[in-house]
Amino acid sequence: MYRIRVSKVFSAAHRIVEQGGKCEQLHGHNYRVEVVVGSERLNPPGMVVDFNELKEAVALILPDHKLLNEVYNFNPTAENLARYFYEQLQSRFPVVRVRVWENDECWAEYEPD
């Protein structure tokens, strides 16, 4: 399988409802979202998909400089964000997985079974 990856950064605030710790307080992150798409075949120019097309699509769904609790009707954990971004992109691209980094040390990933 051929795979490509794009990565975009966005900044946002959130609070994790019912977390029971300090993350219930309003705080922010400089998130990094990695999207991996794959295919067993390449399109006629010899690509899985065009990097620029994928980067533009990812940029359009990222809630830059927003309060995530006001944007989504789900608890905006990294895990839930990874799944949501996957679901937003999978109808247009052969998405393999989406990884959401909250910082340089912590990430969550969604990859369907």
PDB file of N, CA and C in Angstrom:
ATOM      1  N   MET A   1       0.851  -1.181   0.000  1.00  0.00           N
ATOM      2  CA  MET A   1       0.000   0.000   0.000  1.00  0.00           C
ATOM      3  C   MET A   1       0.892   1.238   0.000  1.00  0.00           C
ATOM      4  N   TYR A   2       0.490   2.236  -0.792  1.00  0.00           N
ATOM      5  CA  TYR A   2       1.133   3.536  -0.789  1.00  0.00           C
ATOM      6  C   TYR A   2       0.462   4.383   0.286  1.00  0.00           C
ATOM      7  N   ARG A   3       1.239   5.172   0.993  1.00  0.00           N
ATOM      8  CA  ARG A   3       0.677   6.065   2.002  1.00  0.00           C
ATOM      9  C   ARG A   3       1.346   7.419   1.918  1.00  0.00           C
ATOM     10  N   ILE A   4       0.546   8.455   2.144  1.00  0.00           N
ATOM     11  CA  ILE A   4       1.088   9.795   2.285  1.00  0.00           C
ATOM     12  C   ILE A   4       0.524  10.386   3.567  1.00  0.00           C
ATOM     13  N   ARG A   5       1.197  11.403   4.062  1.00  0.00           N
ATOM     14  CA  ARG A   5       0.781  12.039   5.310  1.00  0.00           C
ATOM     15  C   ARG A   5       0.896  13.543   5.164  1.00  0.00           C
ATOM     16  N   VAL A   6      -0.113  14.253   5.652  1.00  0.00           N
ATOM     17  CA  VAL A   6      -0.022  15.701   5.778  1.00  0.00           C
ATOM     18  C   VAL A   6      -0.240  16.060   7.242  1.00  0.00           C
ATOM     19  N   SER A   7       0.313  17.175   7.628  1.00  0.00           N
ATOM     20  CA  SER A   7       0.242  17.629   9.005  1.00  0.00           C
ATOM     21  C   SER A   7      -0.090  19.116   8.999  1.00  0.00           C
ATOM     22  N   LYS A   8      -1.052  19.504   9.824  1.00  0.00           N
ATOM     23  CA  LYS A   8      -1.426  20.916   9.965  1.00  0.00           C
ATOM     24  C   LYS A   8      -1.524  21.240  11.450  1.00  0.00           C
ATOM     25  N   VAL A   9      -1.246  22.490  11.789  1.00  0.00           N
ATOM     26  CA  VAL A   9      -1.278  22.954  13.172  1.00  0.00           C
ATOM     27  C   VAL A   9      -2.421  23.945  13.333  1.00  0.00           C
ATOM     28  N   PHE A  10      -3.090  23.858  14.492  1.00  0.00           N
ATOM     29  CA  PHE A  10      -4.079  24.877  14.838  1.00  0.00           C
ATOM     30  C   PHE A  10      -4.065  25.083  16.341  1.00  0.00           C
ATOM     31  N   SER A  11      -4.513  26.241  16.763  1.00  0.00           N
ATOM     32  CA  SER A  11      -4.571  26.583  18.186  1.00  0.00           C
ATOM     33  C   SER A  11      -6.025  26.684  18.600  1.00  0.00           C
ATOM     34  N   ALA A  12      -6.329  26.133  19.765  1.00  0.00           N
ATOM     35  CA  ALA A  12      -7.705  26.173  20.251  1.00  0.00           C
ATOM     36  C   ALA A  12      -7.724  25.946  21.755  1.00  0.00           C
ATOM     37  N   ALA A  13      -8.833  26.318  22.355  1.00  0.00           N
ATOM     38  CA  ALA A  13      -9.049  26.101  23.782  1.00  0.00           C
ATOM     39  C   ALA A  13     -10.153  25.070  23.964  1.00  0.00           C
ATOM     40  N   HIS A  14     -10.140  24.423  25.112  1.00  0.00           N
ATOM     41  CA  HIS A  14     -11.210  23.490  25.459  1.00  0.00           C
ATOM     42  C   HIS A  14     -11.174  23.216  26.948  1.00  0.00           C
ATOM     43  N   ARG A  15     -12.189  22.530  27.375  1.00  0.00           N
ATOM     44  CA  ARG A  15     -12.220  21.957  28.717  1.00  0.00           C
ATOM     45  C   ARG A  15     -12.824  20.576  28.577  1.00  0.00           C
ATOM     46  N   ILE A  16     -12.284  19.633  29.316  1.00  0.00           N
ATOM     47  CA  ILE A  16     -12.746  18.253  29.233  1.00  0.00           C
ATOM     48  C   ILE A  16     -13.797  18.040  30.319  1.00  0.00           C
ATOM     49  N   VAL A  17     -15.035  17.941  29.907  1.00  0.00           N
ATOM     50  CA  VAL A  17     -16.159  17.778  30.830  1.00  0.00           C
ATOM     51  C   VAL A  17     -16.079  16.404  31.486  1.00  0.00           C
ATOM     52  N   GLU A  18     -16.335  16.374  32.781  1.00  0.00           N
ATOM     53  CA  GLU A  18     -16.366  15.145  33.586  1.00  0.00           C
ATOM     54  C   GLU A  18     -15.025  14.420  33.633  1.00  0.00           C
ATOM     55  N   GLN A  19     -13.921  15.141  33.447  1.00  0.00           N
ATOM     56  CA  GLN A  19     -12.596  14.529  33.497  1.00  0.00           C
ATOM     57  C   GLN A  19     -12.153  14.312  34.937  1.00  0.00           C
ATOM     58  N   GLY A  20     -12.605  15.176  35.851  1.00  0.00           N
ATOM     59  CA  GLY A  20     -12.286  15.018  37.259  1.00  0.00           C
ATOM     60  C   GLY A  20     -10.925  15.554  37.668  1.00  0.00           C
ATOM     61  N   GLY A  21     -10.266  16.255  36.803  1.00  0.00           N
ATOM     62  CA  GLY A  21      -8.947  16.797  37.121  1.00  0.00           C
ATOM     63  C   GLY A  21      -8.782  18.191  36.563  1.00  0.00           C
ATOM     64  N   LYS A  22      -7.527  18.601  36.467  1.00  0.00           N
ATOM     65  CA  LYS A  22      -7.238  19.970  36.047  1.00  0.00           C
ATOM     66  C   LYS A  22      -7.672  20.269  34.611  1.00  0.00           C
ATOM     67  N   CYS A  23      -7.854  19.250  33.804  1.00  0.00           N
ATOM     68  CA  CYS A  23      -8.255  19.483  32.413  1.00  0.00           C
ATOM     69  C   CYS A  23      -9.721  19.885  32.276  1.00  0.00           C
ATOM     70  N   GLU A  24     -10.464  19.864  33.403  1.00  0.00           N
ATOM     71  CA  GLU A  24     -11.821  20.397  33.365  1.00  0.00           C
ATOM     72  C   GLU A  24     -11.809  21.920  33.303  1.00  0.00           C
ATOM     73  N   GLN A  25     -10.683  22.509  33.669  1.00  0.00           N
ATOM     74  CA  GLN A  25     -10.533  23.961  33.586  1.00  0.00           C
ATOM     75  C   GLN A  25     -10.236  24.355  32.141  1.00  0.00           C
ATOM     76  N   LEU A  26     -10.693  25.523  31.766  1.00  0.00           N
ATOM     77  CA  LEU A  26     -10.439  26.024  30.428  1.00  0.00           C
ATOM     78  C   LEU A  26      -8.927  26.168  30.211  1.00  0.00           C
ATOM     79  N   HIS A  27      -8.442  25.602  29.105  1.00  0.00           N
ATOM     80  CA  HIS A  27      -7.021  25.672  28.763  1.00  0.00           C
ATOM     81  C   HIS A  27      -6.876  25.508  27.255  1.00  0.00           C
ATOM     82  N   GLY A  28      -5.690  25.723  26.746  1.00  0.00           N
ATOM     83  CA  GLY A  28      -5.507  25.655  25.309  1.00  0.00           C
ATOM     84  C   GLY A  28      -4.327  24.799  24.895  1.00  0.00           C
ATOM     85  N   HIS A  29      -4.305  24.488  23.616  1.00  0.00           N
ATOM     86  CA  HIS A  29      -3.225  23.694  23.022  1.00  0.00           C
ATOM     87  C   HIS A  29      -2.888  24.254  21.652  1.00  0.00           C
ATOM     88  N   ASN A  30      -1.671  24.005  21.236  1.00  0.00           N
ATOM     89  CA  ASN A  30      -1.278  24.155  19.844  1.00  0.00           C
ATOM     90  C   ASN A  30      -1.299  22.743  19.282  1.00  0.00           C
ATOM     91  N   TYR A  31      -2.443  22.374  18.736  1.00  0.00           N
ATOM     92  CA  TYR A  31      -2.658  21.023  18.228  1.00  0.00           C
ATOM     93  C   TYR A  31      -1.908  20.815  16.909  1.00  0.00           C
ATOM     94  N   ARG A  32      -1.540  19.579  16.675  1.00  0.00           N
ATOM     95  CA  ARG A  32      -1.049  19.180  15.355  1.00  0.00           C
ATOM     96  C   ARG A  32      -1.917  18.001  14.918  1.00  0.00           C
ATOM     97  N   VAL A  33      -2.456  18.072  13.724  1.00  0.00           N
ATOM     98  CA  VAL A  33      -3.290  17.010  13.176  1.00  0.00           C
ATOM     99  C   VAL A  33      -2.539  16.365  12.027  1.00  0.00           C
ATOM    100  N   GLU A  34      -2.376  15.055  12.094  1.00  0.00           N
ATOM    101  CA  GLU A  34      -1.738  14.295  11.023  1.00  0.00           C
ATOM    102  C   GLU A  34      -2.791  13.414  10.373  1.00  0.00           C
ATOM    103  N   VAL A  35      -2.868  13.491   9.063  1.00  0.00           N
ATOM    104  CA  VAL A  35      -3.814  12.674   8.314  1.00  0.00           C
ATOM    105  C   VAL A  35      -3.014  11.789   7.366  1.00  0.00           C
ATOM    106  N   VAL A  36      -3.256  10.481   7.457  1.00  0.00           N
ATOM    107  CA  VAL A  36      -2.594   9.516   6.583  1.00  0.00           C
ATOM    108  C   VAL A  36      -3.644   8.940   5.649  1.00  0.00           C
ATOM    109  N   VAL A  37      -3.355   8.997   4.349  1.00  0.00           N
ATOM    110  CA  VAL A  37      -4.228   8.377   3.355  1.00  0.00           C
ATOM    111  C   VAL A  37      -3.421   7.339   2.599  1.00  0.00           C
ATOM    112  N   GLY A  38      -4.113   6.337   2.103  1.00  0.00           N
ATOM    113  CA  GLY A  38      -3.394   5.267   1.429  1.00  0.00           C
ATOM    114  C   GLY A  38      -4.200   4.644   0.314  1.00  0.00           C
ATOM    115  N   SER A  39      -3.470   3.985  -0.567  1.00  0.00           N
ATOM    116  CA  SER A  39      -4.109   3.311  -1.689  1.00  0.00           C
ATOM    117  C   SER A  39      -3.173   2.231  -2.217  1.00  0.00           C
ATOM    118  N   GLU A  40      -3.759   1.171  -2.724  1.00  0.00           N
ATOM    119  CA  GLU A  40      -2.951   0.126  -3.356  1.00  0.00           C
ATOM    120  C   GLU A  40      -2.541   0.525  -4.767  1.00  0.00           C
ATOM    121  N   ARG A  41      -3.243   1.509  -5.325  1.00  0.00           N
ATOM    122  CA  ARG A  41      -2.950   1.970  -6.684  1.00  0.00           C
ATOM    123  C   ARG A  41      -2.733   3.485  -6.669  1.00  0.00           C
ATOM    124  N   LEU A  42      -1.949   3.933  -7.610  1.00  0.00           N
ATOM    125  CA  LEU A  42      -1.724   5.362  -7.768  1.00  0.00           C
ATOM    126  C   LEU A  42      -2.619   5.902  -8.873  1.00  0.00           C
ATOM    127  N   ASN A  43      -3.041   7.168  -8.741  1.00  0.00           N
ATOM    128  CA  ASN A  43      -3.841   7.775  -9.799  1.00  0.00           C
ATOM    129  C   ASN A  43      -2.940   8.059 -11.001  1.00  0.00           C
ATOM    130  N   PRO A  44      -3.496   8.417 -12.151  1.00  0.00           N
ATOM    131  CA  PRO A  44      -2.693   8.562 -13.376  1.00  0.00           C
ATOM    132  C   PRO A  44      -1.438   9.446 -13.265  1.00  0.00           C
ATOM    133  N   PRO A  45      -1.424  10.536 -12.508  1.00  0.00           N
ATOM    134  CA  PRO A  45      -0.147  11.246 -12.406  1.00  0.00           C
ATOM    135  C   PRO A  45       0.879  10.510 -11.533  1.00  0.00           C
ATOM    136  N   GLY A  46       0.453   9.421 -10.873  1.00  0.00           N
ATOM    137  CA  GLY A  46       1.371   8.672 -10.023  1.00  0.00           C
ATOM    138  C   GLY A  46       1.334   9.082  -8.568  1.00  0.00           C
ATOM    139  N   MET A  47       0.145   9.471  -8.061  1.00  0.00           N
ATOM    140  CA  MET A  47      -0.003   9.898  -6.671  1.00  0.00           C
ATOM    141  C   MET A  47      -1.157   9.144  -6.008  1.00  0.00           C
ATOM    142  N   VAL A  48      -1.101   9.060  -4.683  1.00  0.00           N
ATOM    143  CA  VAL A  48      -2.261   8.588  -3.918  1.00  0.00           C
ATOM    144  C   VAL A  48      -3.339   9.659  -4.034  1.00  0.00           C
ATOM    145  N   VAL A  49      -3.026  10.843  -3.595  1.00  0.00           N
ATOM    146  CA  VAL A  49      -3.820  12.061  -3.804  1.00  0.00           C
ATOM    147  C   VAL A  49      -2.828  13.218  -3.857  1.00  0.00           C
ATOM    148  N   ASP A  50      -3.275  14.330  -4.355  1.00  0.00           N
ATOM    149  CA  ASP A  50      -2.428  15.513  -4.412  1.00  0.00           C
ATOM    150  C   ASP A  50      -2.248  16.063  -2.992  1.00  0.00           C
ATOM    151  N   PHE A  51      -0.988  16.277  -2.578  1.00  0.00           N
ATOM    152  CA  PHE A  51      -0.724  16.815  -1.243  1.00  0.00           C
ATOM    153  C   PHE A  51      -1.479  18.123  -1.011  1.00  0.00           C
ATOM    154  N   ASN A  52      -1.471  19.006  -1.987  1.00  0.00           N
ATOM    155  CA  ASN A  52      -2.115  20.310  -1.806  1.00  0.00           C
ATOM    156  C   ASN A  52      -3.613  20.185  -1.623  1.00  0.00           C
ATOM    157  N   GLU A  53      -4.240  19.293  -2.359  1.00  0.00           N
ATOM    158  CA  GLU A  53      -5.679  19.078  -2.209  1.00  0.00           C
ATOM    159  C   GLU A  53      -6.014  18.570  -0.804  1.00  0.00           C
ATOM    160  N   LEU A  54      -5.213  17.635  -0.312  1.00  0.00           N
ATOM    161  CA  LEU A  54      -5.440  17.101   1.031  1.00  0.00           C
ATOM    162  C   LEU A  54      -5.174  18.162   2.089  1.00  0.00           C
ATOM    163  N   LYS A  55      -4.102  18.914   1.953  1.00  0.00           N
ATOM    164  CA  LYS A  55      -3.799  19.971   2.928  1.00  0.00           C
ATOM    165  C   LYS A  55      -4.908  21.011   2.990  1.00  0.00           C
ATOM    166  N   GLU A  56      -5.445  21.386   1.843  1.00  0.00           N
ATOM    167  CA  GLU A  56      -6.536  22.360   1.821  1.00  0.00           C
ATOM    168  C   GLU A  56      -7.781  21.819   2.505  1.00  0.00           C
ATOM    169  N   ALA A  57      -8.096  20.562   2.269  1.00  0.00           N
ATOM    170  CA  ALA A  57      -9.273  19.943   2.902  1.00  0.00           C
ATOM    171  C   ALA A  57      -9.105  19.867   4.409  1.00  0.00           C
ATOM    172  N   VAL A  58      -7.911  19.517   4.859  1.00  0.00           N
ATOM    173  CA  VAL A  58      -7.654  19.452   6.304  1.00  0.00           C
ATOM    174  C   VAL A  58      -7.782  20.843   6.912  1.00  0.00           C
ATOM    175  N   ALA A  59      -7.191  21.840   6.279  1.00  0.00           N
ATOM    176  CA  ALA A  59      -7.255  23.206   6.807  1.00  0.00           C
ATOM    177  C   ALA A  59      -8.689  23.692   6.964  1.00  0.00           C
ATOM    178  N   LEU A  60      -9.568  23.302   6.048  1.00  0.00           N
ATOM    179  CA  LEU A  60     -10.960  23.751   6.095  1.00  0.00           C
ATOM    180  C   LEU A  60     -11.742  23.202   7.280  1.00  0.00           C
ATOM    181  N   ILE A  61     -11.332  22.053   7.814  1.00  0.00           N
ATOM    182  CA  ILE A  61     -12.101  21.462   8.922  1.00  0.00           C
ATOM    183  C   ILE A  61     -11.515  21.775  10.289  1.00  0.00           C
ATOM    184  N   LEU A  62     -10.360  22.433  10.344  1.00  0.00           N
ATOM    185  CA  LEU A  62      -9.731  22.711  11.636  1.00  0.00           C
ATOM    186  C   LEU A  62     -10.295  23.988  12.253  1.00  0.00           C
ATOM    187  N   PRO A  63     -10.677  23.916  13.530  1.00  0.00           N
ATOM    188  CA  PRO A  63     -11.292  25.053  14.214  1.00  0.00           C
ATOM    189  C   PRO A  63     -10.247  25.971  14.859  1.00  0.00           C
ATOM    190  N   ASP A  64      -9.460  26.647  14.052  1.00  0.00           N
ATOM    191  CA  ASP A  64      -8.364  27.467  14.564  1.00  0.00           C
ATOM    192  C   ASP A  64      -8.864  28.638  15.411  1.00  0.00           C
ATOM    193  N   HIS A  65      -8.236  28.810  16.570  1.00  0.00           N
ATOM    194  CA  HIS A  65      -8.537  29.893  17.510  1.00  0.00           C
ATOM    195  C   HIS A  65     -10.005  29.918  17.929  1.00  0.00           C
ATOM    196  N   LYS A  66     -10.513  28.744  18.240  1.00  0.00           N
ATOM    197  CA  LYS A  66     -11.905  28.605  18.693  1.00  0.00           C
ATOM    198  C   LYS A  66     -11.924  27.935  20.059  1.00  0.00           C
ATOM    199  N   LEU A  67     -13.049  28.047  20.744  1.00  0.00           N
ATOM    200  CA  LEU A  67     -13.319  27.285  21.954  1.00  0.00           C
ATOM    201  C   LEU A  67     -14.045  26.024  21.505  1.00  0.00           C
ATOM    202  N   LEU A  68     -13.370  24.905  21.571  1.00  0.00           N
ATOM    203  CA  LEU A  68     -13.893  23.667  20.988  1.00  0.00           C
ATOM    204  C   LEU A  68     -15.215  23.226  21.605  1.00  0.00           C
ATOM    205  N   ASN A  69     -15.419  23.523  22.871  1.00  0.00           N
ATOM    206  CA  ASN A  69     -16.677  23.158  23.523  1.00  0.00           C
ATOM    207  C   ASN A  69     -17.865  23.889  22.904  1.00  0.00           C
ATOM    208  N   GLU A  70     -17.614  25.023  22.266  1.00  0.00           N
ATOM    209  CA  GLU A  70     -18.685  25.765  21.601  1.00  0.00           C
ATOM    210  C   GLU A  70     -18.834  25.363  20.133  1.00  0.00           C
ATOM    211  N   VAL A  71     -17.844  24.704  19.583  1.00  0.00           N
ATOM    212  CA  VAL A  71     -17.864  24.301  18.178  1.00  0.00           C
ATOM    213  C   VAL A  71     -18.544  22.948  18.001  1.00  0.00           C
ATOM    214  N   TYR A  72     -18.277  22.023  18.916  1.00  0.00           N
ATOM    215  CA  TYR A  72     -18.746  20.639  18.769  1.00  0.00           C
ATOM    216  C   TYR A  72     -19.777  20.283  19.820  1.00  0.00           C
ATOM    217  N   ASN A  73     -20.612  19.316  19.491  1.00  0.00           N
ATOM    218  CA  ASN A  73     -21.611  18.827  20.449  1.00  0.00           C
ATOM    219  C   ASN A  73     -21.128  17.549  21.127  1.00  0.00           C
ATOM    220  N   PHE A  74     -19.816  17.365  21.199  1.00  0.00           N
ATOM    221  CA  PHE A  74     -19.211  16.243  21.920  1.00  0.00           C
ATOM    222  C   PHE A  74     -18.076  16.773  22.791  1.00  0.00           C
ATOM    223  N   ASN A  75     -17.663  15.984  23.754  1.00  0.00           N
ATOM    224  CA  ASN A  75     -16.559  16.352  24.628  1.00  0.00           C
ATOM    225  C   ASN A  75     -15.278  16.396  23.781  1.00  0.00           C
ATOM    226  N   PRO A  76     -14.629  17.562  23.643  1.00  0.00           N
ATOM    227  CA  PRO A  76     -13.525  17.698  22.694  1.00  0.00           C
ATOM    228  C   PRO A  76     -12.186  17.154  23.203  1.00  0.00           C
ATOM    229  N   THR A  77     -12.162  15.854  23.448  1.00  0.00           N
ATOM    230  CA  THR A  77     -10.906  15.192  23.787  1.00  0.00           C
ATOM    231  C   THR A  77     -10.116  14.970  22.494  1.00  0.00           C
ATOM    232  N   ALA A  78      -8.841  14.708  22.613  1.00  0.00           N
ATOM    233  CA  ALA A  78      -8.030  14.415  21.427  1.00  0.00           C
ATOM    234  C   ALA A  78      -8.578  13.195  20.690  1.00  0.00           C
ATOM    235  N   GLU A  79      -9.046  12.204  21.441  1.00  0.00           N
ATOM    236  CA  GLU A  79      -9.611  10.998  20.836  1.00  0.00           C
ATOM    237  C   GLU A  79     -10.845  11.308  20.003  1.00  0.00           C
ATOM    238  N   ASN A  80     -11.757  12.094  20.575  1.00  0.00           N
ATOM    239  CA  ASN A  80     -12.977  12.449  19.847  1.00  0.00           C
ATOM    240  C   ASN A  80     -12.679  13.336  18.642  1.00  0.00           C
ATOM    241  N   LEU A  81     -11.708  14.227  18.778  1.00  0.00           N
ATOM    242  CA  LEU A  81     -11.325  15.069  17.641  1.00  0.00           C
ATOM    243  C   LEU A  81     -10.748  14.225  16.507  1.00  0.00           C
ATOM    244  N   ALA A  82      -9.908  13.253  16.842  1.00  0.00           N
ATOM    245  CA  ALA A  82      -9.308  12.399  15.813  1.00  0.00           C
ATOM    246  C   ALA A  82     -10.395  11.671  15.023  1.00  0.00           C
ATOM    247  N   ARG A  83     -11.376  11.138  15.716  1.00  0.00           N
ATOM    248  CA  ARG A  83     -12.452  10.433  15.014  1.00  0.00           C
ATOM    249  C   ARG A  83     -13.289  11.391  14.167  1.00  0.00           C
ATOM    250  N   TYR A  84     -13.594  12.543  14.722  1.00  0.00           N
ATOM    251  CA  TYR A  84     -14.395  13.522  13.981  1.00  0.00           C
ATOM    252  C   TYR A  84     -13.681  13.956  12.699  1.00  0.00           C
ATOM    253  N   PHE A  85     -12.400  14.280  12.795  1.00  0.00           N
ATOM    254  CA  PHE A  85     -11.653  14.700  11.610  1.00  0.00           C
ATOM    255  C   PHE A  85     -11.596  13.567  10.581  1.00  0.00           C
ATOM    256  N   TYR A  86     -11.416  12.342  11.051  1.00  0.00           N
ATOM    257  CA  TYR A  86     -11.438  11.184  10.149  1.00  0.00           C
ATOM    258  C   TYR A  86     -12.773  11.144   9.392  1.00  0.00           C
ATOM    259  N   GLU A  87     -13.863  11.252  10.138  1.00  0.00           N
ATOM    260  CA  GLU A  87     -15.187  11.158   9.523  1.00  0.00           C
ATOM    261  C   GLU A  87     -15.434  12.296   8.528  1.00  0.00           C
ATOM    262  N   GLN A  88     -14.896  13.467   8.776  1.00  0.00           N
ATOM    263  CA  GLN A  88     -15.067  14.593   7.876  1.00  0.00           C
ATOM    264  C   GLN A  88     -14.320  14.400   6.558  1.00  0.00           C
ATOM    265  N   LEU A  89     -13.203  13.686   6.604  1.00  0.00           N
ATOM    266  CA  LEU A  89     -12.350  13.547   5.424  1.00  0.00           C
ATOM    267  C   LEU A  89     -12.559  12.256   4.643  1.00  0.00           C
ATOM    268  N   GLN A  90     -13.063  11.216   5.286  1.00  0.00           N
ATOM    269  CA  GLN A  90     -13.084   9.893   4.660  1.00  0.00           C
ATOM    270  C   GLN A  90     -14.009   9.778   3.461  1.00  0.00           C
ATOM    271  N   SER A  91     -14.951  10.682   3.301  1.00  0.00           N
ATOM    272  CA  SER A  91     -15.809  10.606   2.110  1.00  0.00           C
ATOM    273  C   SER A  91     -15.095  11.126   0.859  1.00  0.00           C
ATOM    274  N   ARG A  92     -14.042  11.918   1.036  1.00  0.00           N
ATOM    275  CA  ARG A  92     -13.302  12.480  -0.107  1.00  0.00           C
ATOM    276  C   ARG A  92     -11.960  11.810  -0.366  1.00  0.00           C
ATOM    277  N   PHE A  93     -11.392  11.206   0.672  1.00  0.00           N
ATOM    278  CA  PHE A  93     -10.040  10.659   0.578  1.00  0.00           C
ATOM    279  C   PHE A  93      -9.992   9.269   1.204  1.00  0.00           C
ATOM    280  N   PRO A  94      -9.077   8.421   0.746  1.00  0.00           N
ATOM    281  CA  PRO A  94      -8.924   7.092   1.356  1.00  0.00           C
ATOM    282  C   PRO A  94      -8.116   7.180   2.658  1.00  0.00           C
ATOM    283  N   VAL A  95      -8.746   7.730   3.690  1.00  0.00           N
ATOM    284  CA  VAL A  95      -8.061   7.990   4.961  1.00  0.00           C
ATOM    285  C   VAL A  95      -7.788   6.670   5.674  1.00  0.00           C
ATOM    286  N   VAL A  96      -6.560   6.518   6.115  1.00  0.00           N
ATOM    287  CA  VAL A  96      -6.143   5.344   6.877  1.00  0.00           C
ATOM    288  C   VAL A  96      -6.260   5.629   8.366  1.00  0.00           C
ATOM    289  N   ARG A  97      -5.763   6.798   8.788  1.00  0.00           N
ATOM    290  CA  ARG A  97      -5.839   7.157  10.200  1.00  0.00           C
ATOM    291  C   ARG A  97      -5.647   8.652  10.361  1.00  0.00           C
ATOM    292  N   VAL A  98      -6.095   9.151  11.520  1.00  0.00           N
ATOM    293  CA  VAL A  98      -5.892  10.538  11.899  1.00  0.00           C
ATOM    294  C   VAL A  98      -5.323  10.556  13.305  1.00  0.00           C
ATOM    295  N   ARG A  99      -4.282  11.345  13.478  1.00  0.00           N
ATOM    296  CA  ARG A  99      -3.627  11.491  14.782  1.00  0.00           C
ATOM    297  C   ARG A  99      -3.729  12.956  15.194  1.00  0.00           C
ATOM    298  N   VAL A 100      -4.117  13.203  16.443  1.00  0.00           N
ATOM    299  CA  VAL A 100      -4.215  14.557  16.988  1.00  0.00           C
ATOM    300  C   VAL A 100      -3.231  14.674  18.143  1.00  0.00           C
ATOM    301  N   TRP A 101      -2.265  15.547  17.984  1.00  0.00           N
ATOM    302  CA  TRP A 101      -1.268  15.829  19.016  1.00  0.00           C
ATOM    303  C   TRP A 101      -1.731  17.029  19.831  1.00  0.00           C
ATOM    304  N   GLU A 102      -1.756  16.899  21.175  1.00  0.00           N
ATOM    305  CA  GLU A 102      -2.026  18.042  22.034  1.00  0.00           C
ATOM    306  C   GLU A 102      -0.742  18.800  22.357  1.00  0.00           C
ATOM    307  N   ASN A 103       0.358  18.101  22.340  1.00  0.00           N
ATOM    308  CA  ASN A 103       1.676  18.697  22.567  1.00  0.00           C
ATOM    309  C   ASN A 103       2.719  17.745  21.992  1.00  0.00           C
ATOM    310  N   ASP A 104       3.981  18.020  22.220  1.00  0.00           N
ATOM    311  CA  ASP A 104       5.042  17.189  21.642  1.00  0.00           C
ATOM    312  C   ASP A 104       5.104  15.783  22.219  1.00  0.00           C
ATOM    313  N   GLU A 105       4.424  15.550  23.330  1.00  0.00           N
ATOM    314  CA  GLU A 105       4.525  14.258  24.010  1.00  0.00           C
ATOM    315  C   GLU A 105       3.259  13.416  23.968  1.00  0.00           C
ATOM    316  N   CYS A 106       2.124  14.009  23.658  1.00  0.00           N
ATOM    317  CA  CYS A 106       0.845  13.295  23.798  1.00  0.00           C
ATOM    318  C   CYS A 106       0.007  13.401  22.526  1.00  0.00           C
ATOM    319  N   TRP A 107      -0.456  12.245  22.060  1.00  0.00           N
ATOM    320  CA  TRP A 107      -1.342  12.221  20.905  1.00  0.00           C
ATOM    321  C   TRP A 107      -2.386  11.136  21.070  1.00  0.00           C
ATOM    322  N   ALA A 108      -3.465  11.298  20.322  1.00  0.00           N
ATOM    323  CA  ALA A 108      -4.504  10.278  20.221  1.00  0.00           C
ATOM    324  C   ALA A 108      -4.718  10.010  18.740  1.00  0.00           C
ATOM    325  N   GLU A 109      -5.109   8.785  18.436  1.00  0.00           N
ATOM    326  CA  GLU A 109      -5.235   8.372  17.043  1.00  0.00           C
ATOM    327  C   GLU A 109      -6.548   7.641  16.838  1.00  0.00           C
ATOM    328  N   TYR A 110      -7.157   7.876  15.663  1.00  0.00           N
ATOM    329  CA  TYR A 110      -8.321   7.104  15.277  1.00  0.00           C
ATOM    330  C   TYR A 110      -8.016   6.410  13.973  1.00  0.00           C
ATOM    331  N   GLU A 111      -8.238   5.107  13.980  1.00  0.00           N
ATOM    332  CA  GLU A 111      -8.104   4.270  12.796  1.00  0.00           C
ATOM    333  C   GLU A 111      -9.221   3.253  12.872  1.00  0.00           C
ATOM    334  N   PRO A 112     -10.095   3.197  11.870  1.00  0.00           N
ATOM    335  CA  PRO A 112     -11.207   2.256  11.955  1.00  0.00           C
ATOM    336  C   PRO A 112     -10.717   0.801  11.880  1.00  0.00           C
ATOM    337  N   ASP A 113     -11.561  -0.097  12.364  1.00  0.00           N
ATOM    338  CA  ASP A 113     -11.215  -1.526  12.324  1.00  0.00           C
ATOM    339  C   ASP A 113     -11.083  -2.025  10.918  1.00  0.00           C
TER     340      ASP A 113
END
